[in-house]
N, C-alpha and C. Protein backbone atom coordinates (compact mmCIF):
# COMPACT_ATOMS: atom_id res chain seq x y z
N MET A 1 -8.72 119.75 -47.78
CA MET A 1 -9.73 118.72 -47.90
C MET A 1 -9.12 117.33 -47.88
N LEU A 2 -8.00 117.17 -48.60
CA LEU A 2 -7.37 115.85 -48.64
C LEU A 2 -6.84 115.46 -47.27
N ARG A 3 -6.29 116.43 -46.55
CA ARG A 3 -5.78 116.13 -45.21
C ARG A 3 -6.92 115.81 -44.25
N GLU A 4 -8.03 116.54 -44.35
CA GLU A 4 -9.17 116.27 -43.47
C GLU A 4 -9.75 114.89 -43.76
N ALA A 5 -9.81 114.52 -45.05
CA ALA A 5 -10.31 113.19 -45.40
C ALA A 5 -9.43 112.11 -44.80
N ARG A 6 -8.12 112.30 -44.87
CA ARG A 6 -7.21 111.32 -44.29
C ARG A 6 -7.33 111.30 -42.77
N LEU A 7 -7.50 112.48 -42.16
CA LEU A 7 -7.69 112.54 -40.71
C LEU A 7 -8.89 111.71 -40.29
N LEU A 8 -10.00 111.86 -40.99
CA LEU A 8 -11.21 111.10 -40.65
C LEU A 8 -10.97 109.60 -40.75
N GLU A 9 -10.20 109.20 -41.73
CA GLU A 9 -9.87 107.78 -41.87
C GLU A 9 -9.03 107.30 -40.68
N VAL A 10 -8.08 108.12 -40.26
CA VAL A 10 -7.23 107.75 -39.12
C VAL A 10 -8.05 107.65 -37.85
N VAL A 11 -8.91 108.64 -37.60
CA VAL A 11 -9.73 108.63 -36.39
C VAL A 11 -10.69 107.44 -36.40
N ALA A 12 -11.27 107.16 -37.55
CA ALA A 12 -12.28 106.09 -37.64
C ALA A 12 -11.72 104.71 -37.34
N GLU A 13 -10.41 104.54 -37.49
CA GLU A 13 -9.81 103.22 -37.26
C GLU A 13 -10.04 102.72 -35.85
N HIS A 14 -10.11 103.62 -34.88
CA HIS A 14 -10.22 103.20 -33.48
C HIS A 14 -11.36 103.88 -32.72
N ALA A 15 -12.01 104.87 -33.31
CA ALA A 15 -13.00 105.66 -32.58
C ALA A 15 -14.21 104.82 -32.19
N PRO A 16 -14.64 104.88 -30.92
CA PRO A 16 -15.83 104.13 -30.48
C PRO A 16 -17.15 104.80 -30.84
N ILE A 17 -17.10 106.01 -31.41
CA ILE A 17 -18.28 106.71 -31.92
C ILE A 17 -18.00 107.02 -33.39
N PRO A 18 -18.95 106.82 -34.29
CA PRO A 18 -18.68 107.05 -35.71
C PRO A 18 -18.29 108.49 -36.02
N VAL A 19 -17.47 108.63 -37.04
CA VAL A 19 -17.14 109.93 -37.63
C VAL A 19 -17.45 109.82 -39.12
N PRO A 20 -17.59 110.94 -39.82
CA PRO A 20 -17.90 110.86 -41.25
C PRO A 20 -16.87 110.02 -42.01
N ALA A 21 -17.37 109.24 -42.96
CA ALA A 21 -16.51 108.42 -43.81
C ALA A 21 -16.46 109.06 -45.19
N PRO A 22 -15.38 109.71 -45.57
CA PRO A 22 -15.31 110.43 -46.85
C PRO A 22 -15.54 109.50 -48.05
N ARG A 23 -16.35 109.99 -48.98
CA ARG A 23 -16.55 109.30 -50.26
C ARG A 23 -15.70 109.93 -51.35
N PHE A 24 -15.47 111.23 -51.24
CA PHE A 24 -14.56 111.91 -52.17
C PHE A 24 -14.07 113.19 -51.52
N ALA A 25 -12.91 113.65 -51.96
CA ALA A 25 -12.35 114.92 -51.51
C ALA A 25 -11.73 115.60 -52.72
N ASP A 26 -12.20 116.79 -53.03
CA ASP A 26 -11.73 117.54 -54.19
C ASP A 26 -10.91 118.73 -53.72
N ALA A 27 -9.61 118.66 -53.89
CA ALA A 27 -8.73 119.72 -53.41
C ALA A 27 -8.90 121.01 -54.20
N VAL A 28 -9.36 120.91 -55.44
CA VAL A 28 -9.50 122.10 -56.28
C VAL A 28 -10.68 122.95 -55.83
N THR A 29 -11.83 122.29 -55.63
CA THR A 29 -13.03 123.02 -55.22
C THR A 29 -13.15 123.14 -53.71
N GLY A 30 -12.34 122.38 -52.97
CA GLY A 30 -12.43 122.42 -51.51
C GLY A 30 -13.66 121.73 -50.97
N VAL A 31 -14.12 120.68 -51.67
CA VAL A 31 -15.33 119.97 -51.28
C VAL A 31 -14.97 118.59 -50.76
N LEU A 32 -15.54 118.25 -49.60
CA LEU A 32 -15.39 116.93 -49.00
C LEU A 32 -16.78 116.32 -48.89
N GLY A 33 -16.98 115.14 -49.46
CA GLY A 33 -18.30 114.52 -49.47
C GLY A 33 -18.33 113.22 -48.68
N TYR A 34 -19.40 113.02 -47.92
CA TYR A 34 -19.59 111.77 -47.19
C TYR A 34 -21.08 111.56 -46.97
N ARG A 35 -21.47 110.33 -46.72
CA ARG A 35 -22.86 110.03 -46.44
C ARG A 35 -23.28 110.65 -45.10
N ARG A 36 -24.49 111.12 -45.07
CA ARG A 36 -25.01 111.74 -43.85
C ARG A 36 -25.12 110.70 -42.75
N LEU A 37 -24.56 111.02 -41.59
CA LEU A 37 -24.68 110.14 -40.44
C LEU A 37 -26.08 110.28 -39.84
N PRO A 38 -26.63 109.22 -39.27
CA PRO A 38 -27.95 109.32 -38.66
C PRO A 38 -27.92 110.16 -37.39
N GLY A 39 -29.08 110.66 -37.00
CA GLY A 39 -29.19 111.42 -35.76
C GLY A 39 -29.22 112.91 -35.99
N GLU A 40 -29.47 113.63 -34.89
CA GLU A 40 -29.55 115.09 -34.90
C GLU A 40 -28.62 115.64 -33.83
N PRO A 41 -28.10 116.87 -34.02
CA PRO A 41 -27.20 117.45 -33.02
C PRO A 41 -27.87 117.60 -31.65
N LEU A 42 -27.05 117.51 -30.63
CA LEU A 42 -27.54 117.64 -29.25
C LEU A 42 -27.72 119.08 -28.80
N LEU A 43 -27.41 120.04 -29.65
CA LEU A 43 -27.55 121.44 -29.27
C LEU A 43 -28.98 121.74 -28.85
N GLY A 44 -29.12 122.27 -27.62
CA GLY A 44 -30.43 122.61 -27.10
C GLY A 44 -31.19 121.43 -26.53
N ARG A 45 -30.55 120.25 -26.47
CA ARG A 45 -31.22 119.05 -25.95
C ARG A 45 -30.35 118.41 -24.87
N PRO A 46 -30.96 117.77 -23.90
CA PRO A 46 -30.16 117.09 -22.87
C PRO A 46 -29.59 115.78 -23.41
N PRO A 47 -28.40 115.41 -23.00
CA PRO A 47 -27.82 114.14 -23.44
C PRO A 47 -28.49 112.97 -22.74
N ALA A 48 -28.51 111.83 -23.40
CA ALA A 48 -29.09 110.63 -22.82
C ALA A 48 -28.14 110.04 -21.77
N PRO A 49 -28.66 109.26 -20.83
CA PRO A 49 -27.78 108.59 -19.87
C PRO A 49 -26.71 107.78 -20.58
N GLY A 50 -25.50 107.85 -20.06
CA GLY A 50 -24.39 107.11 -20.64
C GLY A 50 -23.61 107.89 -21.68
N ALA A 51 -24.10 109.06 -22.09
CA ALA A 51 -23.41 109.84 -23.12
C ALA A 51 -22.05 110.32 -22.65
N ALA A 52 -21.94 110.74 -21.40
CA ALA A 52 -20.66 111.24 -20.89
C ALA A 52 -19.62 110.13 -20.89
N GLN A 53 -20.01 108.93 -20.51
CA GLN A 53 -19.05 107.82 -20.51
C GLN A 53 -18.56 107.52 -21.93
N ARG A 54 -19.48 107.49 -22.88
CA ARG A 54 -19.08 107.20 -24.26
C ARG A 54 -18.17 108.28 -24.82
N LEU A 55 -18.46 109.53 -24.52
CA LEU A 55 -17.61 110.61 -24.99
C LEU A 55 -16.25 110.59 -24.31
N GLY A 56 -16.22 110.22 -23.03
CA GLY A 56 -14.94 110.09 -22.34
C GLY A 56 -14.08 109.01 -22.96
N GLU A 57 -14.70 107.89 -23.31
CA GLU A 57 -13.97 106.81 -23.99
C GLU A 57 -13.50 107.24 -25.37
N PHE A 58 -14.36 107.99 -26.07
CA PHE A 58 -13.99 108.49 -27.39
C PHE A 58 -12.78 109.41 -27.30
N LEU A 59 -12.78 110.33 -26.34
CA LEU A 59 -11.67 111.27 -26.21
C LEU A 59 -10.39 110.57 -25.77
N ARG A 60 -10.52 109.56 -24.94
CA ARG A 60 -9.33 108.82 -24.53
C ARG A 60 -8.64 108.19 -25.75
N VAL A 61 -9.43 107.63 -26.64
CA VAL A 61 -8.87 107.01 -27.85
C VAL A 61 -8.32 108.08 -28.79
N LEU A 62 -9.10 109.14 -29.01
CA LEU A 62 -8.66 110.21 -29.91
C LEU A 62 -7.34 110.82 -29.45
N HIS A 63 -7.25 111.10 -28.16
CA HIS A 63 -6.06 111.77 -27.63
C HIS A 63 -4.84 110.86 -27.58
N ALA A 64 -5.04 109.58 -27.80
CA ALA A 64 -3.92 108.64 -27.86
C ALA A 64 -3.38 108.47 -29.27
N THR A 65 -3.93 109.19 -30.24
CA THR A 65 -3.48 109.10 -31.62
C THR A 65 -2.00 109.48 -31.73
N ASP A 66 -1.28 108.74 -32.52
CA ASP A 66 0.14 109.00 -32.73
C ASP A 66 0.33 110.42 -33.29
N LEU A 67 1.06 111.25 -32.57
CA LEU A 67 1.24 112.64 -32.99
C LEU A 67 2.09 112.76 -34.25
N ALA A 68 2.92 111.79 -34.51
CA ALA A 68 3.70 111.83 -35.75
C ALA A 68 2.78 111.73 -36.96
N ILE A 69 1.74 110.93 -36.85
CA ILE A 69 0.75 110.82 -37.93
C ILE A 69 -0.10 112.07 -37.98
N ALA A 70 -0.57 112.53 -36.81
CA ALA A 70 -1.45 113.69 -36.75
C ALA A 70 -0.76 114.94 -37.29
N ALA A 71 0.55 115.07 -37.06
CA ALA A 71 1.27 116.28 -37.47
C ALA A 71 1.28 116.46 -38.98
N GLU A 72 1.07 115.39 -39.73
CA GLU A 72 1.02 115.50 -41.18
C GLU A 72 -0.35 115.95 -41.68
N LEU A 73 -1.34 115.99 -40.77
CA LEU A 73 -2.72 116.22 -41.18
C LEU A 73 -3.35 117.48 -40.59
N VAL A 74 -2.89 117.92 -39.44
CA VAL A 74 -3.50 119.07 -38.77
C VAL A 74 -2.42 120.00 -38.24
N PRO A 75 -2.75 121.28 -38.01
CA PRO A 75 -1.76 122.20 -37.45
C PRO A 75 -1.55 121.98 -35.96
N THR A 76 -0.49 122.53 -35.45
CA THR A 76 -0.25 122.57 -34.00
C THR A 76 -0.61 123.97 -33.51
N GLU A 77 -1.45 124.03 -32.48
CA GLU A 77 -1.92 125.31 -31.96
C GLU A 77 -1.63 125.43 -30.48
N ALA A 78 -1.28 126.63 -30.05
CA ALA A 78 -0.81 126.84 -28.69
C ALA A 78 -1.91 126.79 -27.64
N ALA A 79 -3.14 127.16 -28.02
CA ALA A 79 -4.23 127.27 -27.05
C ALA A 79 -3.81 128.17 -25.88
N ASP A 80 -3.27 129.31 -26.21
CA ASP A 80 -2.81 130.26 -25.19
C ASP A 80 -4.02 131.03 -24.65
N PRO A 81 -4.32 130.91 -23.36
CA PRO A 81 -5.47 131.62 -22.80
C PRO A 81 -5.45 133.12 -23.06
N ALA A 82 -4.27 133.72 -23.12
CA ALA A 82 -4.19 135.15 -23.39
C ALA A 82 -4.77 135.49 -24.76
N GLU A 83 -4.55 134.64 -25.73
CA GLU A 83 -5.09 134.87 -27.06
C GLU A 83 -6.60 134.73 -27.08
N TRP A 84 -7.13 133.85 -26.25
CA TRP A 84 -8.58 133.66 -26.20
C TRP A 84 -9.29 134.90 -25.67
N LEU A 85 -8.58 135.71 -24.90
CA LEU A 85 -9.18 136.91 -24.33
C LEU A 85 -9.23 138.08 -25.31
N GLN A 86 -8.46 137.98 -26.38
CA GLN A 86 -8.43 139.06 -27.35
C GLN A 86 -9.78 139.18 -28.06
N ASP A 87 -10.32 140.38 -28.06
CA ASP A 87 -11.59 140.68 -28.73
C ASP A 87 -12.78 139.92 -28.15
N LEU A 88 -12.63 139.32 -26.97
CA LEU A 88 -13.75 138.62 -26.35
C LEU A 88 -14.75 139.63 -25.80
N ASP A 89 -16.01 139.44 -26.13
CA ASP A 89 -17.03 140.39 -25.72
C ASP A 89 -18.08 139.68 -24.88
N GLY A 90 -18.75 140.45 -24.01
CA GLY A 90 -19.79 139.88 -23.17
C GLY A 90 -20.07 140.79 -21.99
N PRO A 91 -20.91 140.33 -21.06
CA PRO A 91 -21.17 141.13 -19.86
C PRO A 91 -19.87 141.52 -19.16
N GLN A 92 -19.75 142.77 -18.76
CA GLN A 92 -18.49 143.29 -18.24
C GLN A 92 -17.99 142.52 -17.03
N GLU A 93 -18.92 142.18 -16.13
CA GLU A 93 -18.48 141.46 -14.93
C GLU A 93 -17.90 140.11 -15.29
N VAL A 94 -18.51 139.44 -16.26
CA VAL A 94 -18.05 138.13 -16.68
C VAL A 94 -16.68 138.23 -17.35
N VAL A 95 -16.49 139.23 -18.19
CA VAL A 95 -15.20 139.41 -18.85
C VAL A 95 -14.11 139.71 -17.83
N ARG A 96 -14.45 140.49 -16.81
CA ARG A 96 -13.46 140.78 -15.75
C ARG A 96 -13.05 139.50 -15.03
N VAL A 97 -14.01 138.63 -14.78
CA VAL A 97 -13.69 137.36 -14.12
C VAL A 97 -12.72 136.55 -14.97
N LEU A 98 -12.95 136.52 -16.28
CA LEU A 98 -12.08 135.77 -17.17
C LEU A 98 -10.65 136.32 -17.15
N HIS A 99 -10.51 137.62 -17.19
CA HIS A 99 -9.18 138.20 -17.16
C HIS A 99 -8.48 137.89 -15.83
N ALA A 100 -9.25 137.89 -14.75
CA ALA A 100 -8.67 137.65 -13.43
C ALA A 100 -8.33 136.18 -13.20
N SER A 101 -8.96 135.29 -13.95
CA SER A 101 -8.77 133.85 -13.71
C SER A 101 -8.02 133.16 -14.84
N ARG A 102 -7.32 133.92 -15.66
CA ARG A 102 -6.62 133.35 -16.81
C ARG A 102 -5.55 132.36 -16.36
N PRO A 103 -5.61 131.12 -16.81
CA PRO A 103 -4.60 130.13 -16.43
C PRO A 103 -3.36 130.24 -17.30
N ARG A 104 -2.33 129.55 -16.89
CA ARG A 104 -1.14 129.46 -17.72
C ARG A 104 -1.37 128.46 -18.85
N PRO A 105 -0.73 128.68 -20.00
CA PRO A 105 -0.84 127.69 -21.07
C PRO A 105 -0.23 126.36 -20.64
N SER A 106 -0.73 125.29 -21.22
CA SER A 106 -0.20 123.97 -20.92
C SER A 106 0.68 123.48 -22.06
N PRO A 107 1.79 122.81 -21.75
CA PRO A 107 2.64 122.24 -22.81
C PRO A 107 2.11 120.91 -23.33
N HIS A 108 1.09 120.35 -22.67
CA HIS A 108 0.58 119.04 -23.05
C HIS A 108 -0.12 119.15 -24.40
N ARG A 109 0.17 118.21 -25.32
CA ARG A 109 -0.40 118.25 -26.66
C ARG A 109 -0.95 116.88 -27.06
N VAL A 110 -2.13 116.90 -27.67
CA VAL A 110 -2.75 115.70 -28.22
C VAL A 110 -3.45 116.08 -29.51
N LEU A 111 -3.86 115.08 -30.28
CA LEU A 111 -4.76 115.34 -31.39
C LEU A 111 -6.14 115.59 -30.79
N ALA A 112 -6.71 116.77 -31.05
CA ALA A 112 -7.99 117.15 -30.48
C ALA A 112 -8.97 117.56 -31.58
N HIS A 113 -10.24 117.30 -31.34
CA HIS A 113 -11.29 117.80 -32.24
C HIS A 113 -11.29 119.33 -32.19
N ALA A 114 -11.16 119.88 -30.99
CA ALA A 114 -10.97 121.31 -30.74
C ALA A 114 -12.22 122.17 -30.97
N ASP A 115 -13.34 121.55 -31.27
CA ASP A 115 -14.61 122.29 -31.35
C ASP A 115 -15.75 121.35 -30.98
N LEU A 116 -15.53 120.58 -29.92
CA LEU A 116 -16.45 119.50 -29.57
C LEU A 116 -17.57 120.02 -28.67
N GLY A 117 -18.52 120.68 -29.31
CA GLY A 117 -19.72 121.14 -28.61
C GLY A 117 -20.93 120.32 -29.00
N ALA A 118 -22.06 120.61 -28.36
CA ALA A 118 -23.28 119.84 -28.59
C ALA A 118 -23.71 119.86 -30.04
N GLU A 119 -23.40 120.95 -30.75
CA GLU A 119 -23.83 121.06 -32.15
C GLU A 119 -23.10 120.09 -33.06
N HIS A 120 -22.01 119.49 -32.58
CA HIS A 120 -21.22 118.56 -33.40
C HIS A 120 -21.31 117.12 -32.92
N ILE A 121 -22.26 116.86 -32.02
CA ILE A 121 -22.49 115.51 -31.51
C ILE A 121 -23.88 115.07 -31.94
N LEU A 122 -23.96 113.98 -32.69
CA LEU A 122 -25.24 113.48 -33.18
C LEU A 122 -25.79 112.41 -32.25
N GLU A 123 -27.11 112.42 -32.08
CA GLU A 123 -27.78 111.45 -31.20
C GLU A 123 -29.07 110.97 -31.85
N LEU A 124 -29.37 109.70 -31.69
CA LEU A 124 -30.61 109.12 -32.21
C LEU A 124 -31.11 108.07 -31.24
N HIS A 125 -32.33 108.26 -30.73
CA HIS A 125 -32.96 107.31 -29.80
C HIS A 125 -32.04 106.99 -28.61
N GLY A 126 -31.37 108.02 -28.09
CA GLY A 126 -30.56 107.83 -26.90
C GLY A 126 -29.14 107.36 -27.15
N ALA A 127 -28.78 107.11 -28.42
CA ALA A 127 -27.44 106.63 -28.74
C ALA A 127 -26.67 107.72 -29.48
N LEU A 128 -25.38 107.83 -29.19
CA LEU A 128 -24.52 108.77 -29.92
C LEU A 128 -24.16 108.14 -31.26
N THR A 129 -24.48 108.84 -32.34
CA THR A 129 -24.33 108.26 -33.67
C THR A 129 -23.26 108.93 -34.51
N GLY A 130 -22.64 109.98 -34.02
CA GLY A 130 -21.60 110.61 -34.82
C GLY A 130 -20.97 111.82 -34.18
N ILE A 131 -19.71 112.06 -34.50
CA ILE A 131 -18.98 113.28 -34.16
C ILE A 131 -18.61 113.93 -35.48
N ILE A 132 -19.10 115.13 -35.72
CA ILE A 132 -18.93 115.76 -37.03
C ILE A 132 -18.13 117.06 -36.92
N ASP A 133 -17.85 117.65 -38.09
CA ASP A 133 -17.17 118.94 -38.24
C ASP A 133 -15.78 118.92 -37.63
N TRP A 134 -14.84 118.36 -38.38
CA TRP A 134 -13.46 118.21 -37.92
C TRP A 134 -12.53 119.28 -38.50
N SER A 135 -13.09 120.35 -39.01
CA SER A 135 -12.27 121.36 -39.68
C SER A 135 -11.36 122.12 -38.73
N ASP A 136 -11.65 122.12 -37.42
CA ASP A 136 -10.81 122.82 -36.45
C ASP A 136 -9.85 121.88 -35.72
N ALA A 137 -9.80 120.62 -36.11
CA ALA A 137 -8.92 119.66 -35.43
C ALA A 137 -7.48 120.15 -35.43
N ALA A 138 -6.79 119.89 -34.33
CA ALA A 138 -5.42 120.38 -34.19
C ALA A 138 -4.68 119.56 -33.15
N ILE A 139 -3.37 119.68 -33.17
CA ILE A 139 -2.55 119.18 -32.07
C ILE A 139 -2.47 120.32 -31.07
N THR A 140 -3.09 120.12 -29.92
CA THR A 140 -3.26 121.24 -29.00
C THR A 140 -3.55 120.72 -27.59
N ASP A 141 -3.90 121.63 -26.70
CA ASP A 141 -4.21 121.31 -25.31
C ASP A 141 -5.47 120.43 -25.25
N PRO A 142 -5.40 119.26 -24.63
CA PRO A 142 -6.58 118.40 -24.55
C PRO A 142 -7.74 119.02 -23.78
N ALA A 143 -7.47 120.03 -22.96
CA ALA A 143 -8.54 120.68 -22.20
C ALA A 143 -9.60 121.26 -23.12
N LEU A 144 -9.23 121.61 -24.35
CA LEU A 144 -10.20 122.18 -25.28
C LEU A 144 -11.34 121.22 -25.57
N ASP A 145 -11.05 119.92 -25.61
CA ASP A 145 -12.10 118.95 -25.94
C ASP A 145 -13.06 118.70 -24.79
N PHE A 146 -12.73 119.16 -23.60
CA PHE A 146 -13.64 119.04 -22.47
C PHE A 146 -14.42 120.33 -22.22
N ALA A 147 -13.87 121.44 -22.70
CA ALA A 147 -14.42 122.75 -22.34
C ALA A 147 -15.84 122.95 -22.86
N ARG A 148 -16.08 122.70 -24.13
CA ARG A 148 -17.41 122.94 -24.68
C ARG A 148 -18.42 121.92 -24.17
N LEU A 149 -17.97 120.72 -23.83
CA LEU A 149 -18.88 119.74 -23.23
C LEU A 149 -19.30 120.20 -21.84
N TYR A 150 -18.38 120.78 -21.10
CA TYR A 150 -18.72 121.36 -19.80
C TYR A 150 -19.69 122.53 -19.99
N ARG A 151 -19.38 123.39 -20.97
CA ARG A 151 -20.27 124.52 -21.26
C ARG A 151 -21.69 124.05 -21.57
N ASP A 152 -21.83 123.02 -22.37
CA ASP A 152 -23.14 122.62 -22.87
C ASP A 152 -23.92 121.73 -21.91
N PHE A 153 -23.21 120.95 -21.07
CA PHE A 153 -23.92 119.93 -20.30
C PHE A 153 -23.70 120.00 -18.79
N GLY A 154 -22.81 120.85 -18.31
CA GLY A 154 -22.70 121.06 -16.87
C GLY A 154 -21.65 120.23 -16.17
N ARG A 155 -21.52 120.47 -14.86
CA ARG A 155 -20.43 119.88 -14.08
C ARG A 155 -20.60 118.39 -13.85
N ARG A 156 -21.82 117.92 -13.59
CA ARG A 156 -21.99 116.48 -13.37
C ARG A 156 -21.58 115.70 -14.61
N PHE A 157 -21.98 116.22 -15.78
CA PHE A 157 -21.60 115.57 -17.03
C PHE A 157 -20.08 115.56 -17.18
N LEU A 158 -19.44 116.69 -16.86
CA LEU A 158 -17.98 116.77 -16.96
C LEU A 158 -17.32 115.77 -16.03
N ASP A 159 -17.81 115.64 -14.81
CA ASP A 159 -17.22 114.69 -13.86
C ASP A 159 -17.32 113.26 -14.39
N GLU A 160 -18.46 112.90 -14.97
CA GLU A 160 -18.62 111.56 -15.55
C GLU A 160 -17.70 111.38 -16.75
N LEU A 161 -17.56 112.42 -17.53
CA LEU A 161 -16.68 112.41 -18.70
C LEU A 161 -15.24 112.15 -18.28
N LEU A 162 -14.77 112.90 -17.29
CA LEU A 162 -13.38 112.75 -16.83
C LEU A 162 -13.15 111.39 -16.18
N GLN A 163 -14.16 110.86 -15.49
CA GLN A 163 -14.02 109.54 -14.88
C GLN A 163 -13.82 108.48 -15.96
N ALA A 164 -14.57 108.59 -17.05
CA ALA A 164 -14.42 107.63 -18.15
C ALA A 164 -13.11 107.83 -18.90
N TYR A 165 -12.66 109.06 -18.97
CA TYR A 165 -11.44 109.39 -19.72
C TYR A 165 -10.19 108.86 -19.02
N GLY A 166 -10.16 109.01 -17.70
CA GLY A 166 -8.99 108.60 -16.95
C GLY A 166 -8.24 109.79 -16.39
N PRO A 167 -7.10 109.57 -15.76
CA PRO A 167 -6.36 110.65 -15.09
C PRO A 167 -6.06 111.81 -16.02
N PHE A 168 -6.39 113.01 -15.55
CA PHE A 168 -6.12 114.25 -16.30
C PHE A 168 -5.86 115.34 -15.28
N PRO A 169 -4.70 115.29 -14.59
CA PRO A 169 -4.44 116.20 -13.47
C PRO A 169 -4.22 117.64 -13.92
N ASP A 170 -4.54 118.54 -13.01
CA ASP A 170 -4.25 119.97 -13.18
C ASP A 170 -4.89 120.56 -14.43
N ALA A 171 -6.05 120.07 -14.80
CA ALA A 171 -6.69 120.55 -16.03
C ALA A 171 -7.93 121.39 -15.77
N MET A 172 -8.51 121.32 -14.58
CA MET A 172 -9.81 121.93 -14.36
C MET A 172 -9.81 123.43 -14.58
N GLN A 173 -8.76 124.10 -14.18
CA GLN A 173 -8.74 125.56 -14.36
C GLN A 173 -8.79 125.92 -15.84
N ARG A 174 -8.05 125.17 -16.67
CA ARG A 174 -8.06 125.45 -18.10
C ARG A 174 -9.39 125.07 -18.74
N ILE A 175 -9.94 123.94 -18.34
CA ILE A 175 -11.24 123.52 -18.87
C ILE A 175 -12.29 124.59 -18.58
N GLU A 176 -12.31 125.06 -17.33
CA GLU A 176 -13.30 126.06 -16.94
C GLU A 176 -13.08 127.37 -17.71
N PHE A 177 -11.84 127.78 -17.84
CA PHE A 177 -11.55 129.03 -18.56
C PHE A 177 -12.01 128.94 -20.01
N PHE A 178 -11.62 127.87 -20.71
CA PHE A 178 -12.01 127.73 -22.11
C PHE A 178 -13.52 127.58 -22.25
N ALA A 179 -14.16 126.91 -21.30
CA ALA A 179 -15.62 126.78 -21.34
C ALA A 179 -16.30 128.13 -21.21
N ARG A 180 -15.80 128.96 -20.31
CA ARG A 180 -16.37 130.30 -20.13
C ARG A 180 -16.21 131.15 -21.39
N CYS A 181 -15.01 131.10 -21.98
CA CYS A 181 -14.79 131.85 -23.23
C CYS A 181 -15.71 131.35 -24.33
N ALA A 182 -15.85 130.04 -24.44
CA ALA A 182 -16.69 129.46 -25.48
C ALA A 182 -18.16 129.83 -25.30
N ALA A 183 -18.59 129.97 -24.05
CA ALA A 183 -19.98 130.38 -23.79
C ALA A 183 -20.21 131.81 -24.29
N LEU A 184 -19.26 132.69 -24.04
CA LEU A 184 -19.40 134.06 -24.51
C LEU A 184 -19.35 134.12 -26.05
N GLU A 185 -18.53 133.28 -26.65
CA GLU A 185 -18.49 133.23 -28.11
C GLU A 185 -19.84 132.82 -28.68
N ASP A 186 -20.46 131.80 -28.09
CA ASP A 186 -21.76 131.34 -28.58
C ASP A 186 -22.85 132.37 -28.30
N LEU A 187 -22.74 133.06 -27.19
CA LEU A 187 -23.71 134.11 -26.88
C LEU A 187 -23.66 135.19 -27.95
N ALA A 188 -22.45 135.60 -28.32
CA ALA A 188 -22.29 136.62 -29.35
C ALA A 188 -22.72 136.10 -30.72
N TYR A 189 -22.37 134.86 -31.01
CA TYR A 189 -22.72 134.28 -32.31
C TYR A 189 -24.23 134.17 -32.46
N GLY A 190 -24.90 133.68 -31.43
CA GLY A 190 -26.34 133.54 -31.49
C GLY A 190 -27.04 134.88 -31.66
N SER A 191 -26.54 135.89 -30.96
CA SER A 191 -27.14 137.22 -31.07
C SER A 191 -26.91 137.84 -32.44
N ALA A 192 -25.71 137.64 -32.99
CA ALA A 192 -25.36 138.26 -34.27
C ALA A 192 -26.05 137.60 -35.45
N THR A 193 -26.29 136.30 -35.35
CA THR A 193 -26.84 135.56 -36.48
C THR A 193 -28.34 135.29 -36.37
N GLY A 194 -28.91 135.56 -35.19
CA GLY A 194 -30.31 135.25 -34.99
C GLY A 194 -30.59 133.80 -34.71
N ARG A 195 -29.54 133.00 -34.50
CA ARG A 195 -29.71 131.58 -34.18
C ARG A 195 -29.88 131.46 -32.68
N ALA A 196 -31.13 131.57 -32.26
CA ALA A 196 -31.46 131.72 -30.84
C ALA A 196 -31.01 130.54 -30.00
N VAL A 197 -30.95 129.35 -30.57
CA VAL A 197 -30.60 128.18 -29.79
C VAL A 197 -29.18 128.30 -29.23
N TYR A 198 -28.28 128.95 -29.99
CA TYR A 198 -26.92 129.15 -29.49
C TYR A 198 -26.91 130.13 -28.32
N ALA A 199 -27.61 131.26 -28.47
CA ALA A 199 -27.65 132.26 -27.41
C ALA A 199 -28.34 131.71 -26.17
N THR A 200 -29.44 130.99 -26.36
CA THR A 200 -30.18 130.45 -25.22
C THR A 200 -29.34 129.43 -24.46
N SER A 201 -28.67 128.55 -25.19
CA SER A 201 -27.82 127.54 -24.54
C SER A 201 -26.66 128.20 -23.80
N ALA A 202 -26.07 129.24 -24.40
CA ALA A 202 -24.95 129.93 -23.75
C ALA A 202 -25.41 130.63 -22.48
N GLU A 203 -26.56 131.30 -22.54
CA GLU A 203 -27.08 131.98 -21.36
C GLU A 203 -27.34 130.99 -20.23
N ARG A 204 -27.87 129.82 -20.58
CA ARG A 204 -28.14 128.80 -19.57
C ARG A 204 -26.85 128.33 -18.92
N SER A 205 -25.79 128.20 -19.71
CA SER A 205 -24.53 127.68 -19.18
C SER A 205 -23.84 128.68 -18.24
N LEU A 206 -24.14 129.97 -18.37
CA LEU A 206 -23.51 130.94 -17.48
C LEU A 206 -23.85 130.68 -16.02
N ALA A 207 -24.97 130.02 -15.77
CA ALA A 207 -25.38 129.74 -14.39
C ALA A 207 -24.39 128.83 -13.67
N TRP A 208 -23.83 127.84 -14.40
CA TRP A 208 -22.85 126.97 -13.73
C TRP A 208 -21.41 127.39 -14.02
N LEU A 209 -21.19 128.15 -15.07
CA LEU A 209 -19.84 128.60 -15.35
C LEU A 209 -19.43 129.80 -14.50
N PHE A 210 -20.42 130.59 -14.08
CA PHE A 210 -20.16 131.75 -13.22
C PHE A 210 -21.13 131.70 -12.03
N PRO A 211 -21.03 130.71 -11.15
CA PRO A 211 -21.97 130.58 -10.04
C PRO A 211 -21.88 131.74 -9.06
N GLN A 212 -23.03 132.09 -8.50
CA GLN A 212 -23.14 133.13 -7.47
C GLN A 212 -22.66 134.49 -7.98
N ARG A 213 -22.82 134.72 -9.27
CA ARG A 213 -22.46 136.03 -9.81
C ARG A 213 -23.65 136.59 -10.57
N ARG A 214 -23.75 137.89 -10.54
CA ARG A 214 -24.81 138.58 -11.26
C ARG A 214 -24.24 139.08 -12.58
N TYR A 215 -24.99 138.90 -13.64
CA TYR A 215 -24.58 139.44 -14.94
C TYR A 215 -25.83 139.82 -15.70
N GLN A 216 -25.66 140.71 -16.66
CA GLN A 216 -26.76 141.17 -17.48
C GLN A 216 -26.34 141.16 -18.94
């Protein structure tokens, strides 16, 4: 909790989109408290015009965070595609595609949110008002921060995001792979928990993540 509170302070210093501002952190109980940010999650809703550009700018700043500072606050994770395939469940044809298209791991490392999906992006009246849930933040492959955005909002959104972010060569294969895995994770999560919005959003994303393929 104390490290996450400090992480939020570090990110907030330069982030162009608000993040939670801790009011207290109790290491004994594991409780982190902050004022509720305005807005509602984008899960199940289309993003407003300009959202991709703002998120691209946000990620550019986040990924430029000094790794010496970040290393004191978050773990370093390999983001090995082979590990993502372990215990992954879903339509057989889709899982076969994932195994056949597994990319090589990347040595590139940045401070990443690492769970940046629509459910963690707040919006109010067309404006992005917050990025929440930093418990999975890590020093890892930057492709992870693009993958769930691609999963949730599609290729045009991703292209606008990358344009705002700046040069990111040789990343598309990893972004697509992680996005596909994340879609299957949400499909399973929504089905297991009864949270239909997750399953519905994941099913919708399969249309652009696995184009011209049949799945059931």
